[in-house]
């Protein structure tokens, strides 16, 4: 009847959430400031982190991180007042989106046309597409990837990411 979740360290989730609230996304790029956009930003940050963790062969830790992030997102959807059926449908759709982002970022570097199309697909479908905004967003994620790549993997996976984009 009751589900008890394994307690997780939410530092990485909190840090990625904090990164997704960066004013850069909403003031410079003019992304809509809504739940969907923040979840997409979380997914892009998480995909980059998991791609780096994959190189270090940390499958179990990566799975724990994935479970924790999705558990927190599910919790927030429930907080918004959605019922079980709606939550399950939303989580299924969100997991498809996450795997699409993860797969494409894993198969292609951020320097390819595919990554530009991926950003356009998820962030610029509802708004008028501006190439400069998409390139700025792409530049942000490249710098985030480079920053994380230089960190110790365990520090990064524990949420100690002090990335400041200017």
N, C-alpha and C. Protein backbone atom coordinates (compact mmCIF):
# COMPACT_ATOMS: atom_id res chain seq x y z
N UNK A 1 0.82 -1.18 0.00
CA UNK A 1 0.00 0.00 0.00
C UNK A 1 0.87 1.25 0.00
N UNK A 2 1.88 1.29 0.82
CA UNK A 2 2.77 2.44 0.85
C UNK A 2 4.08 2.05 0.21
N UNK A 3 4.64 2.99 -0.50
CA UNK A 3 5.93 2.77 -1.13
C UNK A 3 6.99 3.52 -0.36
N UNK A 4 8.04 2.84 -0.03
CA UNK A 4 9.15 3.48 0.66
C UNK A 4 10.33 3.51 -0.29
N UNK A 5 10.83 4.69 -0.53
CA UNK A 5 11.94 4.85 -1.44
C UNK A 5 13.25 4.81 -0.67
N UNK A 6 14.25 4.30 -1.35
CA UNK A 6 15.58 4.33 -0.79
C UNK A 6 16.00 5.79 -0.68
N UNK A 7 16.52 6.17 0.47
CA UNK A 7 16.95 7.56 0.64
C UNK A 7 18.17 7.81 -0.22
N UNK A 8 18.13 8.95 -0.88
CA UNK A 8 19.22 9.33 -1.77
C UNK A 8 19.80 10.66 -1.33
N UNK A 9 20.99 10.89 -1.78
CA UNK A 9 21.62 12.18 -1.62
C UNK A 9 21.10 13.05 -2.77
N UNK A 10 20.45 14.14 -2.46
CA UNK A 10 19.85 14.99 -3.49
C UNK A 10 20.75 16.14 -3.92
N UNK A 11 22.02 16.11 -3.53
CA UNK A 11 22.90 17.23 -3.86
C UNK A 11 23.03 17.44 -5.37
N UNK A 12 23.20 16.36 -6.14
CA UNK A 12 23.33 16.52 -7.58
C UNK A 12 22.03 17.03 -8.18
N UNK A 13 20.91 16.49 -7.75
CA UNK A 13 19.62 16.97 -8.25
C UNK A 13 19.44 18.45 -7.92
N UNK A 14 19.75 18.82 -6.70
CA UNK A 14 19.61 20.23 -6.30
C UNK A 14 20.53 21.14 -7.12
N UNK A 15 21.73 20.68 -7.39
CA UNK A 15 22.67 21.48 -8.17
C UNK A 15 22.20 21.62 -9.61
N UNK A 16 21.74 20.53 -10.20
CA UNK A 16 21.26 20.59 -11.59
C UNK A 16 20.01 21.48 -11.67
N UNK A 17 19.16 21.39 -10.68
CA UNK A 17 17.97 22.24 -10.63
C UNK A 17 18.38 23.71 -10.53
N UNK A 18 19.37 23.97 -9.69
CA UNK A 18 19.88 25.34 -9.55
C UNK A 18 20.44 25.84 -10.88
N UNK A 19 21.18 24.99 -11.58
CA UNK A 19 21.73 25.36 -12.89
C UNK A 19 20.62 25.65 -13.89
N UNK A 20 19.53 24.90 -13.80
CA UNK A 20 18.43 25.10 -14.76
C UNK A 20 17.65 26.38 -14.47
N UNK A 21 17.89 26.99 -13.34
CA UNK A 21 17.23 28.25 -12.99
C UNK A 21 18.09 29.47 -13.30
N UNK A 22 19.21 29.25 -13.96
CA UNK A 22 20.12 30.34 -14.32
C UNK A 22 19.37 31.38 -15.16
N UNK A 23 19.50 32.65 -14.79
CA UNK A 23 18.81 33.73 -15.51
C UNK A 23 19.21 33.80 -16.97
N UNK A 24 20.38 33.29 -17.29
CA UNK A 24 20.86 33.27 -18.67
C UNK A 24 19.83 32.64 -19.61
N UNK A 25 19.21 31.55 -19.18
CA UNK A 25 18.26 30.84 -20.03
C UNK A 25 17.00 31.66 -20.30
N UNK A 26 16.59 32.43 -19.34
CA UNK A 26 15.31 33.12 -19.42
C UNK A 26 15.42 34.56 -19.86
N UNK A 27 16.57 35.19 -19.60
CA UNK A 27 16.75 36.58 -20.01
C UNK A 27 17.49 36.71 -21.34
N UNK A 28 18.57 35.96 -21.50
CA UNK A 28 19.35 36.07 -22.74
C UNK A 28 18.78 35.19 -23.85
N UNK A 29 18.48 33.95 -23.54
CA UNK A 29 17.97 33.02 -24.55
C UNK A 29 16.46 33.18 -24.74
N UNK A 30 15.79 33.72 -23.73
CA UNK A 30 14.34 33.95 -23.76
C UNK A 30 13.54 32.65 -23.82
N UNK A 31 14.02 31.63 -23.10
CA UNK A 31 13.26 30.40 -22.98
C UNK A 31 12.07 30.66 -22.06
N UNK A 32 10.96 29.95 -22.28
CA UNK A 32 9.83 30.13 -21.37
C UNK A 32 10.19 29.64 -19.98
N UNK A 33 9.83 30.40 -18.97
CA UNK A 33 10.14 30.05 -17.58
C UNK A 33 8.99 29.20 -17.05
N UNK A 34 9.03 27.91 -17.39
CA UNK A 34 7.98 26.99 -16.95
C UNK A 34 8.57 25.64 -16.57
N UNK A 35 7.74 24.79 -16.02
CA UNK A 35 8.17 23.48 -15.54
C UNK A 35 8.80 22.65 -16.65
N UNK A 36 8.18 22.64 -17.82
CA UNK A 36 8.68 21.83 -18.94
C UNK A 36 10.09 22.25 -19.34
N UNK A 37 10.32 23.53 -19.45
CA UNK A 37 11.65 24.02 -19.85
C UNK A 37 12.70 23.65 -18.81
N UNK A 38 12.34 23.79 -17.55
CA UNK A 38 13.31 23.45 -16.49
C UNK A 38 13.63 21.96 -16.49
N UNK A 39 12.65 21.13 -16.74
CA UNK A 39 12.90 19.69 -16.81
C UNK A 39 13.81 19.39 -18.00
N UNK A 40 13.58 20.03 -19.12
CA UNK A 40 14.44 19.82 -20.29
C UNK A 40 15.87 20.27 -20.00
N UNK A 41 16.02 21.38 -19.32
CA UNK A 41 17.37 21.84 -18.95
C UNK A 41 18.03 20.85 -17.99
N UNK A 42 17.26 20.32 -17.06
CA UNK A 42 17.78 19.28 -16.16
C UNK A 42 18.25 18.09 -16.98
N UNK A 43 17.46 17.67 -17.96
CA UNK A 43 17.81 16.52 -18.79
C UNK A 43 19.09 16.75 -19.57
N UNK A 44 19.27 17.94 -20.12
CA UNK A 44 20.50 18.20 -20.88
C UNK A 44 21.72 18.20 -19.95
N UNK A 45 21.60 18.84 -18.79
CA UNK A 45 22.71 18.81 -17.83
C UNK A 45 23.01 17.37 -17.39
N UNK A 46 21.97 16.64 -17.05
CA UNK A 46 22.14 15.26 -16.59
C UNK A 46 22.75 14.38 -17.68
N UNK A 47 22.34 14.57 -18.91
CA UNK A 47 22.88 13.77 -20.02
C UNK A 47 24.38 13.99 -20.18
N UNK A 48 24.80 15.22 -20.04
CA UNK A 48 26.23 15.52 -20.14
C UNK A 48 26.98 14.85 -18.99
N UNK A 49 26.43 14.95 -17.79
CA UNK A 49 27.07 14.33 -16.62
C UNK A 49 27.14 12.81 -16.78
N UNK A 50 26.05 12.19 -17.23
CA UNK A 50 26.04 10.74 -17.40
C UNK A 50 26.96 10.29 -18.52
N UNK A 51 27.09 11.10 -19.54
CA UNK A 51 28.01 10.77 -20.63
C UNK A 51 29.45 10.73 -20.11
N UNK A 52 29.79 11.67 -19.24
CA UNK A 52 31.13 11.68 -18.64
C UNK A 52 31.29 10.49 -17.70
N UNK A 53 30.26 10.19 -16.92
CA UNK A 53 30.32 9.05 -16.00
C UNK A 53 30.45 7.73 -16.76
N UNK A 54 29.85 7.67 -17.94
CA UNK A 54 29.93 6.45 -18.76
C UNK A 54 31.38 6.15 -19.13
N UNK A 55 32.14 7.19 -19.41
CA UNK A 55 33.54 7.01 -19.77
C UNK A 55 34.34 6.45 -18.59
N UNK A 56 33.87 6.74 -17.39
CA UNK A 56 34.55 6.25 -16.19
C UNK A 56 34.01 4.89 -15.76
N UNK A 57 33.06 4.35 -16.53
CA UNK A 57 32.47 3.03 -16.28
C UNK A 57 31.82 2.94 -14.90
N UNK A 58 30.97 3.90 -14.60
CA UNK A 58 30.26 3.95 -13.33
C UNK A 58 28.77 3.68 -13.55
N UNK A 59 28.45 2.50 -14.05
CA UNK A 59 27.07 2.18 -14.41
C UNK A 59 26.13 2.16 -13.20
N UNK A 60 26.56 1.56 -12.11
CA UNK A 60 25.69 1.48 -10.94
C UNK A 60 25.40 2.86 -10.36
N UNK A 61 26.44 3.67 -10.23
CA UNK A 61 26.28 5.04 -9.71
C UNK A 61 25.41 5.87 -10.66
N UNK A 62 25.60 5.69 -11.96
CA UNK A 62 24.79 6.40 -12.95
C UNK A 62 23.32 6.03 -12.83
N UNK A 63 23.05 4.75 -12.61
CA UNK A 63 21.67 4.30 -12.45
C UNK A 63 21.04 4.89 -11.19
N UNK A 64 21.81 4.95 -10.11
CA UNK A 64 21.31 5.56 -8.87
C UNK A 64 20.98 7.03 -9.09
N UNK A 65 21.82 7.73 -9.82
CA UNK A 65 21.59 9.14 -10.10
C UNK A 65 20.34 9.31 -10.95
N UNK A 66 20.23 8.49 -11.99
CA UNK A 66 19.04 8.53 -12.84
C UNK A 66 17.77 8.30 -12.02
N UNK A 67 17.78 7.27 -11.19
CA UNK A 67 16.61 6.95 -10.35
C UNK A 67 16.27 8.12 -9.43
N UNK A 68 17.28 8.72 -8.83
CA UNK A 68 17.07 9.83 -7.92
C UNK A 68 16.47 11.04 -8.64
N UNK A 69 17.00 11.38 -9.79
CA UNK A 69 16.51 12.54 -10.54
C UNK A 69 15.05 12.32 -10.93
N UNK A 70 14.74 11.14 -11.46
CA UNK A 70 13.37 10.88 -11.90
C UNK A 70 12.41 10.76 -10.72
N UNK A 71 12.88 10.27 -9.60
CA UNK A 71 12.04 10.21 -8.39
C UNK A 71 11.69 11.63 -7.95
N UNK A 72 12.66 12.52 -7.97
CA UNK A 72 12.41 13.91 -7.59
C UNK A 72 11.47 14.61 -8.57
N UNK A 73 11.64 14.37 -9.85
CA UNK A 73 10.74 14.97 -10.84
C UNK A 73 9.32 14.45 -10.63
N UNK A 74 9.18 13.15 -10.41
CA UNK A 74 7.86 12.57 -10.14
C UNK A 74 7.23 13.22 -8.91
N UNK A 75 8.02 13.40 -7.89
CA UNK A 75 7.54 14.03 -6.67
C UNK A 75 7.02 15.44 -6.95
N UNK A 76 7.75 16.20 -7.77
CA UNK A 76 7.34 17.57 -8.08
C UNK A 76 6.08 17.60 -8.95
N UNK A 77 5.93 16.64 -9.83
CA UNK A 77 4.70 16.57 -10.63
C UNK A 77 3.52 16.29 -9.71
N UNK A 78 3.70 15.42 -8.76
CA UNK A 78 2.63 15.14 -7.79
C UNK A 78 2.32 16.38 -6.95
N UNK A 79 3.36 17.14 -6.60
CA UNK A 79 3.17 18.38 -5.85
C UNK A 79 2.33 19.39 -6.62
N UNK A 80 2.43 19.34 -7.94
CA UNK A 80 1.64 20.24 -8.79
C UNK A 80 0.17 19.84 -8.84
N UNK A 81 -0.17 18.70 -8.22
CA UNK A 81 -1.56 18.29 -8.11
C UNK A 81 -2.01 17.25 -9.11
N UNK A 82 -1.09 16.66 -9.84
CA UNK A 82 -1.46 15.63 -10.81
C UNK A 82 -1.73 14.32 -10.10
N UNK A 83 -2.70 13.57 -10.63
CA UNK A 83 -3.05 12.27 -10.07
C UNK A 83 -2.17 11.17 -10.62
N UNK A 84 -2.38 9.94 -10.13
CA UNK A 84 -1.54 8.80 -10.50
C UNK A 84 -1.50 8.55 -12.00
N UNK A 85 -2.64 8.58 -12.66
CA UNK A 85 -2.69 8.30 -14.10
C UNK A 85 -1.90 9.36 -14.86
N UNK A 86 -2.12 10.60 -14.51
CA UNK A 86 -1.43 11.71 -15.16
C UNK A 86 0.08 11.65 -14.89
N UNK A 87 0.45 11.35 -13.66
CA UNK A 87 1.87 11.27 -13.31
C UNK A 87 2.55 10.16 -14.11
N UNK A 88 1.92 8.99 -14.18
CA UNK A 88 2.51 7.87 -14.93
C UNK A 88 2.67 8.22 -16.40
N UNK A 89 1.67 8.86 -16.97
CA UNK A 89 1.74 9.26 -18.39
C UNK A 89 2.86 10.28 -18.59
N UNK A 90 2.92 11.28 -17.70
CA UNK A 90 3.96 12.30 -17.81
C UNK A 90 5.36 11.71 -17.65
N UNK A 91 5.51 10.81 -16.69
CA UNK A 91 6.83 10.20 -16.46
C UNK A 91 7.25 9.34 -17.65
N UNK A 92 6.31 8.66 -18.26
CA UNK A 92 6.62 7.86 -19.46
C UNK A 92 7.10 8.78 -20.58
N UNK A 93 6.39 9.88 -20.80
CA UNK A 93 6.79 10.83 -21.84
C UNK A 93 8.13 11.47 -21.53
N UNK A 94 8.33 11.83 -20.27
CA UNK A 94 9.60 12.44 -19.88
C UNK A 94 10.77 11.48 -20.04
N UNK A 95 10.56 10.21 -19.72
CA UNK A 95 11.65 9.25 -19.88
C UNK A 95 12.00 9.06 -21.36
N UNK A 96 11.01 9.10 -22.24
CA UNK A 96 11.29 9.02 -23.68
C UNK A 96 12.11 10.22 -24.14
N UNK A 97 11.73 11.39 -23.66
CA UNK A 97 12.46 12.61 -24.02
C UNK A 97 13.89 12.53 -23.49
N UNK A 98 14.04 12.11 -22.24
CA UNK A 98 15.38 12.02 -21.66
C UNK A 98 16.25 11.05 -22.46
N UNK A 99 15.72 9.88 -22.80
CA UNK A 99 16.52 8.92 -23.56
C UNK A 99 16.85 9.41 -24.95
N UNK A 100 15.97 10.19 -25.54
CA UNK A 100 16.27 10.79 -26.85
C UNK A 100 17.45 11.76 -26.72
N UNK A 101 17.41 12.59 -25.70
CA UNK A 101 18.50 13.54 -25.46
C UNK A 101 19.79 12.80 -25.14
N UNK A 102 19.72 11.83 -24.23
CA UNK A 102 20.90 11.07 -23.84
C UNK A 102 21.50 10.32 -25.02
N UNK A 103 20.66 9.67 -25.80
CA UNK A 103 21.15 8.92 -26.96
C UNK A 103 21.84 9.85 -27.96
N UNK A 104 21.19 10.96 -28.28
CA UNK A 104 21.77 11.86 -29.27
C UNK A 104 23.05 12.52 -28.78
N UNK A 105 23.10 12.88 -27.52
CA UNK A 105 24.34 13.46 -27.01
C UNK A 105 25.45 12.42 -26.87
N UNK A 106 25.06 11.17 -26.65
CA UNK A 106 26.05 10.10 -26.55
C UNK A 106 26.61 9.74 -27.93
N UNK A 107 25.77 9.78 -28.94
CA UNK A 107 26.18 9.41 -30.29
C UNK A 107 26.90 10.53 -31.03
N UNK A 108 26.59 11.76 -30.66
CA UNK A 108 27.13 12.91 -31.38
C UNK A 108 27.72 13.89 -30.37
N UNK A 109 28.75 14.56 -30.78
CA UNK A 109 29.32 15.58 -29.89
C UNK A 109 28.47 16.84 -30.00
N UNK A 110 28.72 17.77 -29.12
CA UNK A 110 27.97 19.02 -29.14
C UNK A 110 28.37 19.91 -30.32
N UNK A 111 29.36 19.48 -31.07
CA UNK A 111 29.81 20.28 -32.21
C UNK A 111 29.10 19.90 -33.51
N UNK A 112 28.20 18.95 -33.48
CA UNK A 112 27.56 18.48 -34.71
C UNK A 112 26.24 19.18 -34.96
N UNK A 113 25.77 19.03 -36.17
CA UNK A 113 24.47 19.58 -36.57
C UNK A 113 23.34 18.88 -35.81
N UNK A 114 23.56 17.63 -35.45
CA UNK A 114 22.55 16.88 -34.70
C UNK A 114 22.25 17.54 -33.36
N UNK A 115 23.28 18.02 -32.67
CA UNK A 115 23.06 18.67 -31.38
C UNK A 115 22.30 19.98 -31.56
N UNK A 116 22.56 20.69 -32.63
CA UNK A 116 21.80 21.91 -32.92
C UNK A 116 20.34 21.58 -33.15
N UNK A 117 20.10 20.53 -33.91
CA UNK A 117 18.72 20.10 -34.17
C UNK A 117 18.03 19.63 -32.90
N UNK A 118 18.78 19.02 -32.02
CA UNK A 118 18.22 18.56 -30.75
C UNK A 118 17.78 19.75 -29.88
N UNK A 119 18.62 20.76 -29.81
CA UNK A 119 18.26 21.98 -29.07
C UNK A 119 17.04 22.66 -29.71
N UNK A 120 17.05 22.71 -31.02
CA UNK A 120 15.93 23.33 -31.73
C UNK A 120 14.64 22.54 -31.46
N UNK A 121 14.73 21.23 -31.47
CA UNK A 121 13.56 20.36 -31.25
C UNK A 121 12.93 20.58 -29.88
N UNK A 122 13.74 20.71 -28.86
CA UNK A 122 13.20 20.77 -27.50
C UNK A 122 13.02 22.18 -26.95
N UNK A 123 13.76 23.15 -27.44
CA UNK A 123 13.67 24.48 -26.84
C UNK A 123 13.07 25.55 -27.75
N UNK A 124 13.07 25.32 -29.03
CA UNK A 124 12.64 26.39 -29.92
C UNK A 124 11.46 25.99 -30.81
N UNK A 125 10.66 25.06 -30.35
CA UNK A 125 9.48 24.66 -31.13
C UNK A 125 8.30 25.60 -30.90
N UNK A 126 8.18 26.12 -29.68
CA UNK A 126 7.04 26.98 -29.33
C UNK A 126 7.34 28.46 -29.56
N UNK A 127 8.60 28.80 -29.67
CA UNK A 127 8.96 30.20 -29.84
C UNK A 127 9.57 30.39 -31.23
N UNK A 128 9.63 31.61 -31.63
CA UNK A 128 10.27 31.92 -32.91
C UNK A 128 11.74 31.55 -32.81
N UNK A 129 12.18 30.73 -33.75
CA UNK A 129 13.56 30.26 -33.71
C UNK A 129 14.51 31.37 -34.12
N UNK A 130 15.52 31.55 -33.30
CA UNK A 130 16.58 32.52 -33.59
C UNK A 130 17.89 31.77 -33.49
N UNK A 131 18.62 31.73 -34.59
CA UNK A 131 19.86 30.97 -34.65
C UNK A 131 20.86 31.42 -33.58
N UNK A 132 20.93 32.72 -33.34
CA UNK A 132 21.88 33.24 -32.35
C UNK A 132 21.58 32.70 -30.95
N UNK A 133 20.31 32.60 -30.59
CA UNK A 133 19.92 32.07 -29.29
C UNK A 133 20.30 30.60 -29.17
N UNK A 134 20.06 29.86 -30.24
CA UNK A 134 20.41 28.44 -30.22
C UNK A 134 21.92 28.25 -30.10
N UNK A 135 22.69 29.07 -30.78
CA UNK A 135 24.15 28.98 -30.70
C UNK A 135 24.64 29.36 -29.30
N UNK A 136 24.01 30.35 -28.67
CA UNK A 136 24.36 30.71 -27.29
C UNK A 136 24.07 29.57 -26.33
N UNK A 137 22.93 28.91 -26.53
CA UNK A 137 22.57 27.77 -25.69
C UNK A 137 23.54 26.62 -25.91
N UNK A 138 23.89 26.37 -27.15
CA UNK A 138 24.87 25.33 -27.47
C UNK A 138 26.22 25.64 -26.83
N UNK A 139 26.63 26.89 -26.88
CA UNK A 139 27.89 27.32 -26.26
C UNK A 139 27.87 27.08 -24.75
N UNK A 140 26.73 27.37 -24.13
CA UNK A 140 26.58 27.12 -22.69
C UNK A 140 26.83 25.65 -22.38
N UNK A 141 26.17 24.75 -23.12
CA UNK A 141 26.31 23.32 -22.84
C UNK A 141 27.71 22.81 -23.16
N UNK A 142 28.38 23.38 -24.14
CA UNK A 142 29.77 23.01 -24.41
C UNK A 142 30.67 23.39 -23.24
N UNK A 143 30.47 24.60 -22.72
CA UNK A 143 31.29 25.04 -21.58
C UNK A 143 30.97 24.22 -20.33
N UNK A 144 29.71 23.87 -20.15
CA UNK A 144 29.33 23.03 -19.03
C UNK A 144 30.00 21.66 -19.15
N UNK A 145 29.97 21.07 -20.34
CA UNK A 145 30.62 19.77 -20.57
C UNK A 145 32.11 19.86 -20.28
N UNK A 146 32.76 20.88 -20.80
CA UNK A 146 34.21 21.04 -20.58
C UNK A 146 34.52 21.23 -19.10
N UNK A 147 33.69 22.01 -18.42
CA UNK A 147 33.88 22.23 -16.98
C UNK A 147 33.76 20.91 -16.22
N UNK A 148 32.72 20.15 -16.51
CA UNK A 148 32.49 18.87 -15.81
C UNK A 148 33.56 17.85 -16.15
N UNK A 149 34.02 17.86 -17.39
CA UNK A 149 35.05 16.91 -17.81
C UNK A 149 36.34 17.10 -17.02
N UNK A 150 36.59 18.34 -16.61
CA UNK A 150 37.81 18.64 -15.85
C UNK A 150 37.68 18.32 -14.36
N UNK A 151 36.45 18.07 -13.89
CA UNK A 151 36.23 17.76 -12.47
C UNK A 151 36.55 16.30 -12.17
N UNK A 152 36.88 16.04 -10.93
CA UNK A 152 36.97 14.66 -10.46
C UNK A 152 35.57 14.06 -10.55
N UNK A 153 35.46 12.87 -11.08
CA UNK A 153 34.15 12.25 -11.34
C UNK A 153 33.32 12.11 -10.07
N UNK A 154 33.93 11.74 -8.97
CA UNK A 154 33.18 11.57 -7.72
C UNK A 154 32.68 12.90 -7.17
N UNK A 155 33.47 13.93 -7.31
CA UNK A 155 33.03 15.26 -6.88
C UNK A 155 31.84 15.70 -7.73
N UNK A 156 31.93 15.49 -9.03
CA UNK A 156 30.84 15.87 -9.93
C UNK A 156 29.56 15.11 -9.61
N UNK A 157 29.67 13.79 -9.42
CA UNK A 157 28.48 12.98 -9.16
C UNK A 157 27.87 13.24 -7.79
N UNK A 158 28.63 13.83 -6.89
CA UNK A 158 28.09 14.20 -5.59
C UNK A 158 27.47 15.59 -5.59
N UNK A 159 27.46 16.27 -6.74
CA UNK A 159 26.78 17.55 -6.86
C UNK A 159 27.63 18.76 -6.55
N UNK A 160 28.92 18.58 -6.43
CA UNK A 160 29.81 19.72 -6.15
C UNK A 160 30.27 20.35 -7.46
N UNK A 161 29.32 20.93 -8.17
CA UNK A 161 29.59 21.54 -9.46
C UNK A 161 29.39 23.04 -9.30
N UNK A 162 30.48 23.78 -9.27
CA UNK A 162 30.40 25.24 -9.12
C UNK A 162 30.60 25.90 -10.48
N UNK A 163 29.68 25.62 -11.38
CA UNK A 163 29.76 26.17 -12.75
C UNK A 163 29.04 27.49 -12.81
N UNK A 164 29.74 28.51 -13.27
CA UNK A 164 29.15 29.83 -13.47
C UNK A 164 29.37 30.23 -14.92
N UNK A 165 28.29 30.38 -15.64
CA UNK A 165 28.39 30.78 -17.03
C UNK A 165 28.13 32.27 -17.15
N UNK A 166 28.99 32.93 -17.85
CA UNK A 166 28.83 34.38 -18.06
C UNK A 166 28.75 34.69 -19.52
